[in-house]
């Protein structure tokens, strides 16, 4: 809960993205892509509920992985530094 946001359970990536936008407005270009991916996560998890979504093609998946890598790097840059003795047992 780094940004002080309490999330409810949801599979809707757009809802989650909208929740964090006020805290990370510079990430808007990366976060707006997430909404289109919600169907990818639930269409195959709950088969038979609706018409199946078309599977993403290689280009869509490659683009998604690129956005995920950029988002990961951006969010890690906002993370607090690790504790000095975190690696010691």
Protein backbone atom coordinates (compact mmCIF):
# COMPACT_ATOMS: atom_id res chain seq x y z
CA UNK A 1 0.00 0.00 0.00
CA UNK A 2 2.82 2.32 -1.02
CA UNK A 3 0.56 5.13 -2.24
CA UNK A 4 -2.01 4.72 0.53
CA UNK A 5 -4.62 3.26 -1.81
CA UNK A 6 -6.82 0.42 -0.61
CA UNK A 7 -7.86 -1.75 -3.57
CA UNK A 8 -11.01 -3.81 -3.79
CA UNK A 9 -10.99 -7.19 -5.50
CA UNK A 10 -11.42 -6.77 -9.24
CA UNK A 11 -10.19 -8.20 -12.52
CA UNK A 12 -10.78 -4.87 -14.25
CA UNK A 13 -7.35 -3.49 -15.07
CA UNK A 14 -8.78 -0.15 -16.17
CA UNK A 15 -10.40 0.29 -12.74
CA UNK A 16 -7.07 -0.47 -11.06
CA UNK A 17 -5.22 1.90 -13.38
CA UNK A 18 -7.71 4.70 -12.66
CA UNK A 19 -7.20 4.12 -8.92
CA UNK A 20 -3.47 4.80 -9.07
CA UNK A 21 -3.49 7.60 -11.66
CA UNK A 22 -3.95 10.39 -9.08
CA UNK A 23 -0.77 9.23 -7.31
CA UNK A 24 1.22 8.55 -10.47
CA UNK A 25 -0.08 10.92 -13.18
CA UNK A 26 3.11 10.64 -15.21
CA UNK A 27 2.28 6.98 -15.83
CA UNK A 28 -0.96 7.81 -17.68
CA UNK A 29 0.36 6.73 -21.12
CA UNK A 30 1.33 3.32 -19.74
CA UNK A 31 -1.74 2.85 -17.53
CA UNK A 32 -4.26 3.62 -20.27
CA UNK A 33 -3.14 0.53 -22.20
CA UNK A 34 -4.16 -1.77 -19.34
CA UNK A 35 -7.91 -1.49 -19.85
CA UNK A 36 -7.78 -3.35 -23.14
CA UNK A 37 -6.11 -6.31 -21.43
CA UNK A 38 -8.89 -7.06 -18.94
CA UNK A 39 -10.62 -9.34 -21.43
CA UNK A 40 -7.39 -11.33 -21.86
CA UNK A 41 -7.33 -12.14 -18.16
CA UNK A 42 -10.93 -13.18 -17.69
CA UNK A 43 -12.07 -14.56 -21.06
CA UNK A 44 -10.06 -17.75 -20.64
CA UNK A 45 -10.43 -17.98 -16.89
CA UNK A 46 -14.23 -18.18 -17.03
CA UNK A 47 -14.98 -20.05 -20.27
CA UNK A 48 -18.54 -20.31 -21.44
CA UNK A 49 -19.85 -17.19 -19.71
CA UNK A 50 -19.83 -14.99 -22.85
CA UNK A 51 -18.69 -15.15 -26.42
CA UNK A 52 -14.98 -15.89 -26.33
CA UNK A 53 -12.71 -12.95 -26.92
CA UNK A 54 -10.32 -13.31 -29.83
CA UNK A 55 -6.88 -14.33 -28.68
CA UNK A 56 -4.30 -11.53 -28.83
CA UNK A 57 -1.89 -11.85 -31.74
CA UNK A 58 1.89 -11.84 -31.43
CA UNK A 59 2.12 -8.10 -32.09
CA UNK A 60 -0.42 -7.28 -29.35
CA UNK A 61 1.38 -9.54 -26.87
CA UNK A 62 4.76 -8.06 -27.75
CA UNK A 63 3.37 -4.55 -27.25
CA UNK A 64 1.82 -5.55 -23.94
CA UNK A 65 5.11 -7.02 -22.70
CA UNK A 66 6.88 -3.80 -23.67
CA UNK A 67 4.36 -1.69 -21.74
CA UNK A 68 4.65 -4.04 -18.74
CA UNK A 69 8.45 -3.69 -18.75
CA UNK A 70 8.18 0.10 -18.94
CA UNK A 71 5.58 0.16 -16.17
CA UNK A 72 7.72 -2.11 -14.00
CA UNK A 73 10.75 0.16 -14.42
CA UNK A 74 8.70 3.29 -13.73
CA UNK A 75 7.09 1.87 -10.59
CA UNK A 76 10.39 0.53 -9.27
CA UNK A 77 11.81 4.05 -9.58
CA UNK A 78 9.09 5.18 -7.13
CA UNK A 79 9.75 2.38 -4.64
CA UNK A 80 11.53 3.14 -1.38
CA UNK A 81 15.14 1.94 -1.19
CA UNK A 82 15.60 -1.52 0.34
CA UNK A 83 16.48 -1.75 4.02
CA UNK A 84 20.24 -1.87 4.57
CA UNK A 85 20.11 -5.25 6.31
CA UNK A 86 17.41 -6.80 4.09
CA UNK A 87 19.80 -9.36 2.58
CA UNK A 88 21.38 -10.47 5.88
CA UNK A 89 20.13 -13.60 7.63
